[in-house]
Amino acid sequence: MGNAFDFSPLFRSTVGFDRLMSLLESAARVDEATLSYPPCNIERIGDDAYRVSLAVAGFGLDDLQIETRENSLIVTGKQEAAKGEHRYLHQGIAGR
């Protein structure tokens, strides 16, 4: 069940702050599927060295910006709009 918090005791003492408590409760709910996207592997390759592999369908190296900031790895993907190059019958690969 992971991190489950029960905010119901706080509802009784926060009359008039129902919206705030609802926001806190929804923020505490974490969608596990969102945390695992994009699919990734984290591999230890040395005592203090790691390799992170991401599956970012539809993105090339030129479409990605990778940086570290405040002990976080930040990967940003930006694609230019396709210029009518493809006529898909079905497009099952999402480029989120």
Protein backbone atom coordinates (compact mmCIF):
# COMPACT_ATOMS: atom_id res chain seq x y z
CA MET A 1 0.00 0.00 0.00
CA GLY A 2 2.99 2.32 0.09
CA ASN A 3 2.44 5.74 1.63
CA ALA A 4 -1.12 5.97 2.90
CA PHE A 5 -2.13 8.91 5.06
CA ASP A 6 -5.49 9.36 6.76
CA PHE A 7 -6.41 13.03 6.89
CA SER A 8 -9.92 12.46 8.27
CA PRO A 9 -9.01 13.48 11.89
CA LEU A 10 -7.88 16.85 10.53
CA PHE A 11 -11.23 17.50 8.83
CA ARG A 12 -12.96 17.93 12.21
CA SER A 13 -10.60 20.69 13.33
CA THR A 14 -10.42 22.59 10.03
CA VAL A 15 -13.99 23.84 9.58
CA GLY A 16 -14.08 26.23 6.66
CA PHE A 17 -10.91 24.82 5.12
CA ASP A 18 -12.56 21.88 3.34
CA ARG A 19 -11.10 22.79 -0.04
CA LEU A 20 -7.59 23.03 1.40
CA MET A 21 -7.91 19.65 3.08
CA SER A 22 -9.22 18.09 -0.14
CA LEU A 23 -6.23 19.48 -2.02
CA LEU A 24 -3.85 18.06 0.58
CA GLU A 25 -5.54 14.69 0.39
CA SER A 26 -5.40 14.57 -3.41
CA ALA A 27 -1.74 15.68 -3.39
CA ALA A 28 -0.91 12.83 -1.03
CA ARG A 29 -2.43 10.32 -3.46
CA VAL A 30 0.32 9.31 -5.85
CA ASP A 31 -0.38 7.48 -9.07
CA GLU A 32 2.21 4.70 -9.37
CA ALA A 33 1.82 4.60 -13.17
CA THR A 34 2.87 8.24 -13.40
CA LEU A 35 5.96 7.60 -11.28
CA SER A 36 7.08 4.83 -13.61
CA TYR A 37 6.82 6.88 -16.81
CA PRO A 38 8.92 6.94 -18.83
CA PRO A 39 10.13 3.37 -18.37
CA CYS A 40 13.70 3.43 -17.12
CA ASN A 41 16.59 1.31 -15.88
CA ILE A 42 19.01 2.47 -13.20
CA GLU A 43 22.22 0.50 -13.22
CA ARG A 44 25.14 0.72 -10.81
CA ILE A 45 28.37 0.71 -12.81
CA GLY A 46 30.78 1.66 -10.01
CA ASP A 47 30.94 2.62 -6.34
CA ASP A 48 29.64 6.13 -7.05
CA ALA A 49 28.60 5.77 -10.70
CA TYR A 50 25.23 4.94 -12.21
CA ARG A 51 23.76 4.62 -15.70
CA VAL A 52 20.17 5.70 -16.31
CA SER A 53 18.47 4.42 -19.47
CA LEU A 54 15.14 5.90 -20.53
CA ALA A 55 12.68 4.61 -23.13
CA VAL A 56 11.38 7.81 -24.71
CA ALA A 57 9.45 6.66 -27.77
CA GLY A 58 9.28 9.15 -30.58
CA PHE A 59 12.15 11.33 -29.34
CA GLY A 60 15.65 11.56 -30.78
CA LEU A 61 18.76 12.77 -28.96
CA ASP A 62 18.32 16.23 -30.47
CA ASP A 63 14.79 16.41 -28.99
CA LEU A 64 15.97 15.87 -25.40
CA GLN A 65 17.54 18.22 -22.87
CA ILE A 66 19.21 16.48 -19.90
CA GLU A 67 20.40 18.33 -16.81
CA THR A 68 20.98 17.84 -13.09
CA ARG A 69 19.63 20.35 -10.63
CA GLU A 70 19.52 20.14 -6.82
CA ASN A 71 20.14 16.36 -6.69
CA SER A 72 17.52 15.71 -9.39
CA LEU A 73 17.90 14.42 -12.93
CA ILE A 74 15.68 16.47 -15.24
CA VAL A 75 14.93 15.21 -18.74
CA THR A 76 12.84 17.45 -20.97
CA GLY A 77 11.62 16.40 -24.40
CA LYS A 78 10.44 18.80 -27.06
CA GLN A 79 9.54 17.83 -30.60
CA GLU A 80 8.78 19.99 -33.55
CA ALA A 81 5.37 19.30 -35.05
CA ALA A 82 5.43 16.78 -37.87
CA LYS A 83 4.92 18.41 -41.24
CA GLY A 84 2.53 15.87 -42.77
CA GLU A 85 5.33 13.38 -43.34
CA HIS A 86 3.34 10.40 -42.08
CA ARG A 87 -0.13 9.08 -42.78
CA TYR A 88 -0.73 6.71 -39.89
CA LEU A 89 -3.47 4.10 -40.00
CA HIS A 90 -2.83 3.56 -36.30
CA GLN A 91 -0.45 5.47 -34.05
CA GLY A 92 0.14 3.40 -30.92
CA ILE A 93 3.44 4.95 -29.80
CA ALA A 94 2.74 7.92 -27.56
CA GLY A 95 5.22 10.77 -27.43
CA ARG A 96 4.34 12.21 -24.03
